[in-house]
Amino acid sequence: MPESTIRTQIYTILSAVTDIGKVYDYDRWAAEWAAFINFFKTTISGIDQIRGWEISRRSSGEKKVVIGIGSSSHEKPHVFIIRGYLGLNDAAATEKTFNILIEAIATAFRSNKTLNGAARDHDYIQADVIEARIFGGVLCHYAELSLTVYERI
């Protein structure tokens, strides 16, 4: 399946995670930080907060794969980045909430190796960055998750 179909399935799986917040299937940009942070404002359990995720593709390639004796195919690995934001609230221990969300995302992808039939396989979610950052004067938890997905072409 093409990259756009794979991206759609990543969006579908991510969106189905309980209390995930806002999800976008592309990087959001704004000229001002306040406008950027507004993309991720949502209400979870009656509490207004910043909680959202965006999906982008970092890289792609192509390689020949030997399937059997005298038989080969081509495969295209795509590396997707899933960036997450959660407003930091020390009193509410939001670091724990953020890590629970990351683990829920990993579980959702672990149990769906073909991304609903859109891919041959993937290498599971990798949490490359988990830290606090300031966006538009708002302290947030921030994560960069990577997912290498294999498309058979």
Protein backbone atom coordinates (compact mmCIF):
# COMPACT_ATOMS: atom_id res chain seq x y z
CA MET A 1 0.00 0.00 0.00
CA PRO A 2 1.23 3.54 -0.65
CA GLU A 3 2.55 5.92 1.99
CA SER A 4 -0.75 7.82 2.19
CA THR A 5 -2.65 4.63 3.09
CA ILE A 6 -0.07 3.71 5.74
CA ARG A 7 -0.25 7.23 7.21
CA THR A 8 -4.06 7.00 7.33
CA GLN A 9 -3.86 3.73 9.27
CA ILE A 10 -1.31 5.17 11.71
CA TYR A 11 -3.77 8.03 12.26
CA THR A 12 -6.67 5.58 12.74
CA ILE A 13 -4.81 3.44 15.27
CA LEU A 14 -3.47 6.46 17.18
CA SER A 15 -6.89 8.14 17.26
CA ALA A 16 -8.44 5.02 18.82
CA VAL A 17 -6.21 5.19 21.93
CA THR A 18 -8.34 6.16 24.94
CA ASP A 19 -8.03 9.85 25.94
CA ILE A 20 -5.38 10.46 23.27
CA GLY A 21 -6.46 14.08 22.66
CA LYS A 22 -6.25 15.72 19.26
CA VAL A 23 -4.53 13.80 16.47
CA TYR A 24 -3.32 15.20 13.15
CA ASP A 25 -1.97 13.17 10.24
CA TYR A 26 0.56 15.88 9.36
CA ASP A 27 2.84 18.38 11.12
CA ARG A 28 0.99 21.48 12.28
CA TRP A 29 2.71 24.86 11.92
CA ALA A 30 1.90 28.40 12.95
CA ALA A 31 3.74 31.71 12.82
CA GLU A 32 3.09 32.25 16.54
CA TRP A 33 3.56 29.80 19.40
CA ALA A 34 0.15 30.65 20.88
CA ALA A 35 -1.54 29.67 17.61
CA PHE A 36 0.53 26.48 17.47
CA ILE A 37 -0.41 25.42 21.01
CA ASN A 38 -4.09 26.08 20.24
CA PHE A 39 -3.99 23.18 17.75
CA PHE A 40 -3.60 20.84 20.72
CA LYS A 41 -6.11 22.29 23.20
CA THR A 42 -8.82 19.83 24.15
CA THR A 43 -11.02 18.73 27.05
CA ILE A 44 -10.41 15.34 28.69
CA SER A 45 -12.61 14.21 31.60
CA GLY A 46 -13.94 17.77 31.94
CA ILE A 47 -10.47 19.32 32.20
CA ASP A 48 -9.24 21.77 29.54
CA GLN A 49 -5.66 20.96 28.63
CA ILE A 50 -3.05 20.69 25.91
CA ARG A 51 -2.99 17.10 24.66
CA GLY A 52 -2.28 16.16 21.08
CA TRP A 53 -0.25 14.23 18.55
CA GLU A 54 0.96 14.77 14.99
CA ILE A 55 2.28 12.30 12.42
CA SER A 56 5.00 12.96 9.84
CA ARG A 57 7.37 10.89 7.73
CA ARG A 58 11.06 11.35 8.51
CA SER A 59 12.52 9.16 5.77
CA SER A 60 11.91 6.47 3.20
CA GLY A 61 13.98 4.20 1.00
CA GLU A 62 13.76 1.10 -1.11
CA LYS A 63 15.54 -2.23 -1.08
CA LYS A 64 15.42 -5.59 -2.81
CA VAL A 65 14.22 -8.45 -0.63
CA VAL A 66 14.92 -12.11 -1.39
CA ILE A 67 11.74 -14.10 -0.81
CA GLY A 68 13.00 -17.54 -1.83
CA ILE A 69 15.31 -19.26 -4.29
CA GLY A 70 15.28 -17.15 -7.45
CA SER A 71 12.47 -14.97 -6.15
CA SER A 72 12.69 -11.42 -4.90
CA SER A 73 10.57 -8.39 -4.28
CA HIS A 74 11.06 -4.75 -3.40
CA GLU A 75 10.34 -3.28 -0.03
CA LYS A 76 10.06 0.32 1.05
CA PRO A 77 10.78 1.16 4.71
CA HIS A 78 9.10 4.36 5.89
CA VAL A 79 10.14 5.98 9.18
CA PHE A 80 7.24 7.89 10.70
CA ILE A 81 7.56 10.28 13.63
CA ILE A 82 4.69 10.75 16.05
CA ARG A 83 5.15 13.91 18.13
CA GLY A 84 3.12 14.25 21.31
CA TYR A 85 2.32 17.18 23.60
CA LEU A 86 0.68 17.26 27.03
CA GLY A 87 0.39 20.35 29.22
CA LEU A 88 2.58 19.83 32.29
CA ASN A 89 0.83 20.05 35.65
CA ASP A 90 3.06 18.97 38.53
CA ALA A 91 0.19 18.79 41.05
CA ALA A 92 -1.68 16.40 38.75
CA ALA A 93 1.45 14.25 38.13
CA THR A 94 1.01 14.61 34.38
CA GLU A 95 4.36 12.94 33.74
CA LYS A 96 2.68 9.67 34.74
CA THR A 97 -0.30 10.38 32.48
CA PHE A 98 2.01 11.13 29.55
CA ASN A 99 3.95 7.90 30.04
CA ILE A 100 0.69 5.93 30.29
CA LEU A 101 -0.34 7.43 26.95
CA ILE A 102 3.00 6.48 25.37
CA GLU A 103 2.62 2.90 26.60
CA ALA A 104 -0.99 2.75 25.36
CA ILE A 105 0.21 3.88 21.92
CA ALA A 106 2.94 1.22 21.92
CA THR A 107 0.37 -1.43 22.87
CA ALA A 108 -2.04 -0.35 20.12
CA PHE A 109 0.66 -0.69 17.47
CA ARG A 110 2.15 -3.87 18.95
CA SER A 111 -1.17 -5.64 18.48
CA ASN A 112 -1.56 -4.43 14.86
CA LYS A 113 1.58 -5.46 12.96
CA THR A 114 0.12 -4.85 9.48
CA LEU A 115 -1.58 -1.54 10.33
CA ASN A 116 -4.98 -2.91 9.36
CA GLY A 117 -3.53 -4.50 6.22
CA ALA A 118 -1.82 -1.32 4.95
CA ALA A 119 1.75 -2.58 5.53
CA ARG A 120 3.74 -5.80 5.47
CA ASP A 121 5.12 -5.21 8.97
CA HIS A 122 6.60 -2.64 11.36
CA ASP A 123 9.35 -2.48 13.99
CA TYR A 124 7.15 -1.36 16.91
CA ILE A 125 6.98 2.07 18.50
CA GLN A 126 10.29 3.49 19.74
CA ALA A 127 10.22 6.37 22.24
CA ASP A 128 13.21 8.38 21.02
CA VAL A 129 12.56 11.55 23.07
CA ILE A 130 10.53 12.09 26.25
CA GLU A 131 11.13 15.42 27.97
CA ALA A 132 9.64 18.74 29.05
CA ARG A 133 9.69 21.69 26.64
CA ILE A 134 8.22 25.18 26.56
CA PHE A 135 5.85 25.98 23.68
CA GLY A 136 4.52 29.54 23.54
CA GLY A 137 5.18 30.07 27.22
CA VAL A 138 3.45 26.80 28.15
CA LEU A 139 5.46 24.03 29.80
CA CYS A 140 4.56 20.72 28.16
CA HIS A 141 5.58 17.11 28.16
CA TYR A 142 6.96 16.33 24.71
CA ALA A 143 7.65 13.02 22.98
CA GLU A 144 9.00 11.88 19.66
CA LEU A 145 7.99 8.33 18.88
CA SER A 146 9.29 6.60 15.77
CA LEU A 147 7.70 3.79 13.82
CA THR A 148 9.45 2.06 10.92
CA VAL A 149 6.86 0.57 8.60
CA TYR A 150 7.61 -1.82 5.71
CA GLU A 151 5.67 -1.50 2.48
CA ARG A 152 5.96 -4.37 -0.03
CA ILE A 153 6.06 -2.98 -3.59
